[in-house]
Amino acid sequence: MFKKKEESSQKLEASSDQKRVTSVLGPDMSWKGELSGEGGVRVEGAFEGSMQIDGLIVVDRKGRITSEGIQAHTVIIAGAVRSDIKADRVEIRSTGRVWGNVVTSSFSTEEGAYLRGKIEMEEESGEAAEEESDEDQSAANDQEAE
């Protein structure tokens, strides 16, 4: 009985970690290399390399990222990013600048935001995708019956 409560609280903590910053690359820091892991990262300085984060990436107003690819659950950009981005949610703030393609299921910008690239919207995973495949299958069956 008590184990179930502990397990559910652990699941809540894991999902909340995706929404908060757990590591910071400070304003006077620069980093070259590969960054991967779980949690949240705030970039206030310069980063060059690849990023695969199971969580949140925040690029501060003075933050700069140069990469071949960024992959995360959520990416919030107020600084400069020269990279393709694949994330469930992407936000470009009014001071944000992005040079690269974005693949996401949720996208928002503020007035003044800059994006030079393509946006590819994907459906959210889970029930919506299953419902569509069921509808496609029933439509295909109807066509075969005719």
N, C-alpha and C. Protein backbone atom coordinates (compact mmCIF):
# COMPACT_ATOMS: atom_id res chain seq x y z
N MET A 1 0.82 -1.18 0.00
CA MET A 1 0.00 0.00 0.00
C MET A 1 0.87 1.26 0.00
N PHE A 2 1.90 1.30 0.85
CA PHE A 2 2.76 2.47 0.89
C PHE A 2 3.67 2.54 -0.32
N LYS A 3 4.02 1.41 -0.89
CA LYS A 3 4.91 1.40 -2.05
C LYS A 3 4.27 2.09 -3.24
N LYS A 4 2.99 1.92 -3.43
CA LYS A 4 2.32 2.56 -4.56
C LYS A 4 2.41 4.07 -4.46
N LYS A 5 2.23 4.61 -3.26
CA LYS A 5 2.32 6.05 -3.09
C LYS A 5 3.73 6.54 -3.36
N GLU A 6 4.73 5.79 -2.92
CA GLU A 6 6.12 6.18 -3.17
C GLU A 6 6.42 6.17 -4.66
N GLU A 7 5.95 5.13 -5.36
CA GLU A 7 6.20 5.03 -6.80
C GLU A 7 5.56 6.18 -7.54
N SER A 8 4.33 6.53 -7.20
CA SER A 8 3.66 7.62 -7.91
C SER A 8 4.34 8.96 -7.64
N SER A 9 4.85 9.17 -6.41
CA SER A 9 5.54 10.43 -6.13
C SER A 9 6.86 10.50 -6.88
N GLN A 10 7.52 9.36 -7.09
CA GLN A 10 8.75 9.35 -7.88
C GLN A 10 8.47 9.73 -9.33
N LYS A 11 7.36 9.26 -9.88
CA LYS A 11 7.00 9.59 -11.25
C LYS A 11 6.74 11.09 -11.38
N LEU A 12 6.07 11.67 -10.39
CA LEU A 12 5.81 13.11 -10.43
C LEU A 12 7.10 13.90 -10.38
N GLU A 13 8.05 13.47 -9.56
CA GLU A 13 9.33 14.16 -9.47
C GLU A 13 10.08 14.10 -10.79
N ALA A 14 10.05 12.95 -11.45
CA ALA A 14 10.77 12.80 -12.71
C ALA A 14 10.20 13.74 -13.77
N SER A 15 8.87 13.85 -13.83
CA SER A 15 8.29 14.73 -14.84
C SER A 15 8.52 16.20 -14.50
N SER A 16 8.58 16.55 -13.22
CA SER A 16 8.83 17.94 -12.87
C SER A 16 10.28 18.32 -13.14
N ASP A 17 11.22 17.36 -13.10
CA ASP A 17 12.61 17.64 -13.44
C ASP A 17 12.74 18.10 -14.89
N GLN A 18 11.85 17.62 -15.76
CA GLN A 18 11.90 18.01 -17.15
C GLN A 18 11.53 19.48 -17.31
N LYS A 19 10.86 20.06 -16.33
CA LYS A 19 10.38 21.42 -16.44
C LYS A 19 11.22 22.42 -15.65
N ARG A 20 12.31 21.99 -15.05
CA ARG A 20 13.11 22.93 -14.29
C ARG A 20 14.58 22.79 -14.65
N VAL A 21 15.31 23.86 -14.43
CA VAL A 21 16.73 23.90 -14.75
C VAL A 21 17.52 23.26 -13.60
N THR A 22 18.38 22.31 -13.94
CA THR A 22 19.22 21.66 -12.94
C THR A 22 20.70 21.95 -13.15
N SER A 23 21.06 22.50 -14.32
CA SER A 23 22.46 22.84 -14.63
C SER A 23 22.51 24.17 -15.38
N VAL A 24 23.57 24.95 -15.13
CA VAL A 24 23.71 26.26 -15.77
C VAL A 24 25.11 26.40 -16.36
N LEU A 25 25.17 26.84 -17.61
CA LEU A 25 26.43 27.25 -18.24
C LEU A 25 26.44 28.77 -18.14
N GLY A 26 27.25 29.30 -17.22
CA GLY A 26 27.23 30.71 -16.87
C GLY A 26 27.59 31.66 -18.00
N PRO A 27 27.35 32.96 -17.80
CA PRO A 27 27.53 33.96 -18.86
C PRO A 27 28.98 34.13 -19.32
N ASP A 28 29.94 33.86 -18.47
CA ASP A 28 31.34 34.01 -18.86
C ASP A 28 31.99 32.68 -19.21
N MET A 29 31.16 31.66 -19.47
CA MET A 29 31.67 30.32 -19.77
C MET A 29 31.42 29.98 -21.23
N SER A 30 32.32 29.15 -21.79
CA SER A 30 32.07 28.57 -23.11
C SER A 30 32.43 27.09 -23.03
N TRP A 31 31.71 26.29 -23.80
CA TRP A 31 31.87 24.84 -23.73
C TRP A 31 31.80 24.26 -25.13
N LYS A 32 32.73 23.38 -25.46
CA LYS A 32 32.70 22.65 -26.73
C LYS A 32 32.62 21.18 -26.41
N GLY A 33 31.71 20.48 -27.09
CA GLY A 33 31.61 19.05 -26.86
C GLY A 33 30.19 18.56 -26.96
N GLU A 34 29.93 17.46 -26.25
CA GLU A 34 28.63 16.82 -26.29
C GLU A 34 27.99 16.92 -24.92
N LEU A 35 26.72 17.27 -24.90
CA LEU A 35 25.99 17.38 -23.65
C LEU A 35 24.76 16.50 -23.74
N SER A 36 24.63 15.56 -22.81
CA SER A 36 23.47 14.68 -22.80
C SER A 36 23.11 14.34 -21.37
N GLY A 37 21.85 13.97 -21.15
CA GLY A 37 21.41 13.59 -19.82
C GLY A 37 19.97 13.96 -19.59
N GLU A 38 19.57 13.89 -18.31
CA GLU A 38 18.22 14.21 -17.90
C GLU A 38 18.23 15.47 -17.05
N GLY A 39 17.13 16.20 -17.09
CA GLY A 39 17.01 17.41 -16.29
C GLY A 39 16.85 18.62 -17.17
N GLY A 40 17.35 19.75 -16.69
CA GLY A 40 17.23 20.99 -17.44
C GLY A 40 18.55 21.73 -17.49
N VAL A 41 18.80 22.39 -18.62
CA VAL A 41 20.05 23.13 -18.82
C VAL A 41 19.71 24.56 -19.21
N ARG A 42 20.37 25.51 -18.56
CA ARG A 42 20.24 26.92 -18.94
C ARG A 42 21.58 27.36 -19.50
N VAL A 43 21.56 27.90 -20.73
CA VAL A 43 22.78 28.36 -21.39
C VAL A 43 22.79 29.88 -21.36
N GLU A 44 23.71 30.43 -20.56
CA GLU A 44 23.88 31.88 -20.48
C GLU A 44 25.14 32.31 -21.20
N GLY A 45 26.02 31.36 -21.49
CA GLY A 45 27.28 31.63 -22.19
C GLY A 45 27.22 31.07 -23.60
N ALA A 46 28.34 30.46 -24.03
CA ALA A 46 28.43 29.92 -25.40
C ALA A 46 28.61 28.41 -25.34
N PHE A 47 27.85 27.69 -26.15
CA PHE A 47 27.97 26.25 -26.26
C PHE A 47 28.14 25.88 -27.72
N GLU A 48 29.10 24.99 -28.01
CA GLU A 48 29.30 24.48 -29.36
C GLU A 48 29.42 22.97 -29.28
N GLY A 49 28.53 22.27 -29.97
CA GLY A 49 28.54 20.81 -29.94
C GLY A 49 27.13 20.28 -30.03
N SER A 50 26.95 19.01 -29.67
CA SER A 50 25.62 18.40 -29.76
C SER A 50 24.97 18.35 -28.39
N MET A 51 23.63 18.46 -28.39
CA MET A 51 22.85 18.43 -27.15
C MET A 51 21.71 17.44 -27.28
N GLN A 52 21.65 16.49 -26.36
CA GLN A 52 20.52 15.57 -26.27
C GLN A 52 20.11 15.53 -24.80
N ILE A 53 19.05 16.26 -24.48
CA ILE A 53 18.62 16.40 -23.10
C ILE A 53 17.19 15.86 -22.96
N ASP A 54 17.01 14.96 -22.00
CA ASP A 54 15.67 14.48 -21.68
C ASP A 54 15.10 15.45 -20.65
N GLY A 55 14.65 16.60 -21.15
CA GLY A 55 14.16 17.64 -20.27
C GLY A 55 14.11 18.97 -20.98
N LEU A 56 14.56 20.00 -20.29
CA LEU A 56 14.40 21.39 -20.71
C LEU A 56 15.74 22.02 -21.08
N ILE A 57 15.75 22.79 -22.17
CA ILE A 57 16.90 23.62 -22.53
C ILE A 57 16.40 25.05 -22.62
N VAL A 58 17.05 25.95 -21.87
CA VAL A 58 16.72 27.37 -21.90
C VAL A 58 17.97 28.11 -22.39
N VAL A 59 17.81 28.90 -23.45
CA VAL A 59 18.91 29.72 -23.96
C VAL A 59 18.62 31.16 -23.54
N ASP A 60 19.43 31.67 -22.62
CA ASP A 60 19.27 33.01 -22.07
C ASP A 60 19.49 34.06 -23.16
N ARG A 61 19.10 35.30 -22.90
CA ARG A 61 19.26 36.40 -23.87
C ARG A 61 20.68 36.50 -24.39
N LYS A 62 21.67 36.31 -23.54
CA LYS A 62 23.06 36.41 -23.97
C LYS A 62 23.65 35.04 -24.32
N GLY A 63 22.85 34.00 -24.22
CA GLY A 63 23.31 32.65 -24.53
C GLY A 63 23.41 32.40 -26.03
N ARG A 64 24.40 31.56 -26.42
CA ARG A 64 24.61 31.22 -27.83
C ARG A 64 24.88 29.72 -27.94
N ILE A 65 24.19 29.08 -28.87
CA ILE A 65 24.43 27.66 -29.15
C ILE A 65 24.70 27.51 -30.63
N THR A 66 25.79 26.80 -30.95
CA THR A 66 26.11 26.41 -32.32
C THR A 66 26.21 24.90 -32.32
N SER A 67 25.36 24.24 -33.11
CA SER A 67 25.29 22.79 -33.05
C SER A 67 24.73 22.23 -34.36
N GLU A 68 25.01 20.96 -34.62
CA GLU A 68 24.39 20.30 -35.76
C GLU A 68 22.99 19.84 -35.40
N GLY A 69 22.74 19.64 -34.11
CA GLY A 69 21.42 19.20 -33.70
C GLY A 69 21.19 19.33 -32.21
N ILE A 70 20.00 19.80 -31.87
CA ILE A 70 19.56 19.89 -30.48
C ILE A 70 18.33 19.02 -30.36
N GLN A 71 18.31 18.17 -29.33
CA GLN A 71 17.15 17.32 -29.09
C GLN A 71 16.80 17.41 -27.62
N ALA A 72 15.52 17.73 -27.32
CA ALA A 72 15.08 17.87 -25.94
C ALA A 72 13.56 17.76 -25.88
N HIS A 73 13.04 17.73 -24.67
CA HIS A 73 11.59 17.74 -24.50
C HIS A 73 11.05 19.14 -24.79
N THR A 74 11.68 20.16 -24.19
CA THR A 74 11.26 21.54 -24.36
C THR A 74 12.49 22.42 -24.59
N VAL A 75 12.40 23.33 -25.58
CA VAL A 75 13.48 24.28 -25.85
C VAL A 75 12.88 25.69 -25.84
N ILE A 76 13.42 26.54 -24.97
CA ILE A 76 12.98 27.93 -24.86
C ILE A 76 14.17 28.81 -25.24
N ILE A 77 13.99 29.67 -26.25
CA ILE A 77 15.10 30.43 -26.80
C ILE A 77 14.86 31.93 -26.64
N ALA A 78 15.77 32.58 -25.92
CA ALA A 78 15.76 34.04 -25.81
C ALA A 78 17.07 34.60 -26.37
N GLY A 79 18.02 33.72 -26.69
CA GLY A 79 19.32 34.11 -27.23
C GLY A 79 19.45 33.68 -28.69
N ALA A 80 20.64 33.23 -29.08
CA ALA A 80 20.93 32.87 -30.47
C ALA A 80 21.23 31.38 -30.58
N VAL A 81 20.57 30.71 -31.54
CA VAL A 81 20.79 29.28 -31.78
C VAL A 81 21.02 29.07 -33.27
N ARG A 82 22.15 28.45 -33.59
CA ARG A 82 22.43 28.05 -34.97
C ARG A 82 22.47 26.54 -34.98
N SER A 83 21.29 25.94 -35.18
CA SER A 83 21.15 24.49 -35.10
C SER A 83 19.77 24.06 -35.53
N ASP A 84 19.66 22.82 -35.98
CA ASP A 84 18.35 22.21 -36.15
C ASP A 84 17.88 21.81 -34.76
N ILE A 85 16.56 21.87 -34.54
CA ILE A 85 15.99 21.58 -33.23
C ILE A 85 14.88 20.55 -33.39
N LYS A 86 14.93 19.50 -32.57
CA LYS A 86 13.85 18.52 -32.51
C LYS A 86 13.42 18.44 -31.05
N ALA A 87 12.16 18.85 -30.79
CA ALA A 87 11.65 18.87 -29.43
C ALA A 87 10.13 18.77 -29.45
N ASP A 88 9.57 18.33 -28.33
CA ASP A 88 8.11 18.28 -28.21
C ASP A 88 7.53 19.69 -28.21
N ARG A 89 8.24 20.61 -27.57
CA ARG A 89 7.77 22.00 -27.48
C ARG A 89 8.92 22.95 -27.72
N VAL A 90 8.71 23.95 -28.60
CA VAL A 90 9.72 24.96 -28.88
C VAL A 90 9.07 26.34 -28.73
N GLU A 91 9.74 27.20 -27.96
CA GLU A 91 9.29 28.59 -27.79
C GLU A 91 10.44 29.51 -28.18
N ILE A 92 10.16 30.50 -29.03
CA ILE A 92 11.16 31.51 -29.36
C ILE A 92 10.64 32.83 -28.80
N ARG A 93 11.38 33.37 -27.85
CA ARG A 93 10.98 34.62 -27.20
C ARG A 93 11.31 35.81 -28.10
N SER A 94 10.89 36.98 -27.73
CA SER A 94 11.04 38.18 -28.57
C SER A 94 12.49 38.49 -28.89
N THR A 95 13.42 38.14 -28.01
CA THR A 95 14.84 38.39 -28.25
C THR A 95 15.54 37.18 -28.89
N GLY A 96 14.80 36.10 -29.11
CA GLY A 96 15.37 34.87 -29.63
C GLY A 96 15.61 34.90 -31.13
N ARG A 97 16.71 34.25 -31.54
CA ARG A 97 17.06 34.14 -32.96
C ARG A 97 17.47 32.71 -33.25
N VAL A 98 16.87 32.12 -34.28
CA VAL A 98 17.17 30.73 -34.63
C VAL A 98 17.49 30.66 -36.11
N TRP A 99 18.63 30.03 -36.42
CA TRP A 99 19.00 29.70 -37.79
C TRP A 99 19.05 28.19 -37.86
N GLY A 100 18.00 27.58 -38.40
CA GLY A 100 17.94 26.13 -38.48
C GLY A 100 16.50 25.66 -38.59
N ASN A 101 16.33 24.39 -38.87
CA ASN A 101 15.01 23.80 -39.01
C ASN A 101 14.50 23.31 -37.66
N VAL A 102 13.18 23.39 -37.48
CA VAL A 102 12.55 22.99 -36.22
C VAL A 102 11.53 21.90 -36.51
N VAL A 103 11.61 20.80 -35.74
CA VAL A 103 10.63 19.72 -35.80
C VAL A 103 10.02 19.63 -34.41
N THR A 104 8.69 19.84 -34.31
CA THR A 104 8.05 19.90 -33.01
C THR A 104 6.56 19.60 -33.12
N SER A 105 5.91 19.35 -31.99
CA SER A 105 4.46 19.20 -31.98
C SER A 105 3.78 20.43 -31.36
N SER A 106 4.57 21.31 -30.73
CA SER A 106 4.03 22.54 -30.16
C SER A 106 5.04 23.66 -30.39
N PHE A 107 4.61 24.73 -31.05
CA PHE A 107 5.53 25.80 -31.42
C PHE A 107 4.89 27.15 -31.11
N SER A 108 5.66 28.05 -30.49
CA SER A 108 5.15 29.40 -30.24
C SER A 108 6.28 30.40 -30.35
N THR A 109 5.91 31.62 -30.75
CA THR A 109 6.88 32.71 -30.84
C THR A 109 6.24 33.96 -30.26
N GLU A 110 7.10 34.86 -29.83
CA GLU A 110 6.64 36.18 -29.42
C GLU A 110 6.95 37.16 -30.54
N GLU A 111 6.27 38.30 -30.53
CA GLU A 111 6.53 39.32 -31.53
C GLU A 111 8.00 39.76 -31.43
N GLY A 112 8.68 39.80 -32.56
CA GLY A 112 10.08 40.17 -32.60
C GLY A 112 11.02 38.98 -32.71
N ALA A 113 10.51 37.77 -32.50
CA ALA A 113 11.33 36.57 -32.61
C ALA A 113 11.77 36.38 -34.06
N TYR A 114 12.93 35.72 -34.26
CA TYR A 114 13.47 35.52 -35.59
C TYR A 114 13.72 34.03 -35.82
N LEU A 115 13.28 33.53 -36.97
CA LEU A 115 13.53 32.14 -37.36
C LEU A 115 13.85 32.10 -38.84
N ARG A 116 15.02 31.56 -39.16
CA ARG A 116 15.38 31.33 -40.56
C ARG A 116 15.54 29.83 -40.72
N GLY A 117 14.51 29.20 -41.27
CA GLY A 117 14.49 27.76 -41.43
C GLY A 117 13.07 27.28 -41.62
N LYS A 118 12.90 25.98 -41.65
CA LYS A 118 11.58 25.38 -41.81
C LYS A 118 11.05 24.92 -40.46
N ILE A 119 9.73 24.94 -40.36
CA ILE A 119 9.07 24.38 -39.19
C ILE A 119 8.27 23.18 -39.67
N GLU A 120 8.54 22.03 -39.08
CA GLU A 120 7.78 20.83 -39.40
C GLU A 120 6.99 20.45 -38.16
N MET A 121 5.67 20.55 -38.27
CA MET A 121 4.80 20.23 -37.14
C MET A 121 4.45 18.75 -37.18
N GLU A 122 4.63 18.08 -36.05
CA GLU A 122 4.27 16.68 -35.91
C GLU A 122 3.13 16.58 -34.92
N GLU A 123 2.30 15.55 -35.10
CA GLU A 123 1.24 15.33 -34.14
C GLU A 123 1.84 14.84 -32.84
N GLU A 124 1.14 15.15 -31.76
CA GLU A 124 1.61 14.67 -30.46
C GLU A 124 1.51 13.16 -30.43
N SER A 125 2.46 12.53 -29.81
CA SER A 125 2.46 11.08 -29.73
C SER A 125 1.36 10.63 -28.78
N GLY A 126 0.99 9.36 -28.93
CA GLY A 126 0.01 8.79 -28.00
C GLY A 126 -1.33 8.57 -28.65
N GLU A 127 -2.39 8.97 -27.95
CA GLU A 127 -3.75 8.67 -28.37
C GLU A 127 -4.12 9.29 -29.70
N ALA A 128 -3.69 10.51 -29.99
CA ALA A 128 -4.05 11.18 -31.24
C ALA A 128 -3.52 10.40 -32.43
N ALA A 129 -2.30 9.92 -32.34
CA ALA A 129 -1.71 9.15 -33.43
C ALA A 129 -2.43 7.82 -33.60
N GLU A 130 -2.82 7.17 -32.49
CA GLU A 130 -3.53 5.90 -32.57
C GLU A 130 -4.90 6.09 -33.20
N GLU A 131 -5.62 7.16 -32.81
CA GLU A 131 -6.93 7.43 -33.37
C GLU A 131 -6.85 7.67 -34.87
N GLU A 132 -5.83 8.41 -35.32
CA GLU A 132 -5.70 8.68 -36.74
C GLU A 132 -5.41 7.39 -37.51
N SER A 133 -4.55 6.53 -36.98
CA SER A 133 -4.23 5.29 -37.69
C SER A 133 -5.46 4.39 -37.76
N ASP A 134 -6.31 4.41 -36.71
CA ASP A 134 -7.55 3.64 -36.74
C ASP A 134 -8.49 4.19 -37.80
N GLU A 135 -8.58 5.53 -37.91
CA GLU A 135 -9.43 6.16 -38.92
C GLU A 135 -8.91 5.84 -40.32
N ASP A 136 -7.60 5.90 -40.53
CA ASP A 136 -7.00 5.58 -41.82
C ASP A 136 -7.29 4.14 -42.20
N GLN A 137 -7.18 3.23 -41.23
CA GLN A 137 -7.43 1.82 -41.49
C GLN A 137 -8.89 1.58 -41.87
N SER A 138 -9.83 2.22 -41.15
CA SER A 138 -11.25 2.03 -41.47
C SER A 138 -11.58 2.64 -42.83
N ALA A 139 -10.96 3.76 -43.19
CA ALA A 139 -11.18 4.36 -44.51
C ALA A 139 -10.65 3.46 -45.60
N ALA A 140 -9.49 2.84 -45.38
CA ALA A 140 -8.92 1.91 -46.36
C ALA A 140 -9.82 0.69 -46.51
N ASN A 141 -10.38 0.20 -45.42
CA ASN A 141 -11.28 -0.95 -45.48
C ASN A 141 -12.55 -0.60 -46.24
N ASP A 142 -13.07 0.64 -46.04
CA ASP A 142 -14.26 1.08 -46.77
C ASP A 142 -14.00 1.14 -48.27
N GLN A 143 -12.81 1.61 -48.67
CA GLN A 143 -12.47 1.70 -50.09
C GLN A 143 -12.35 0.30 -50.70
N GLU A 144 -11.77 -0.63 -49.96
CA GLU A 144 -11.64 -2.00 -50.47
C GLU A 144 -12.99 -2.66 -50.63
N ALA A 145 -13.95 -2.35 -49.76
CA ALA A 145 -15.28 -2.94 -49.82
C ALA A 145 -16.05 -2.47 -51.05
N GLU A 146 -15.74 -1.25 -51.50
CA GLU A 146 -16.44 -0.70 -52.68
C GLU A 146 -15.93 -1.37 -53.89
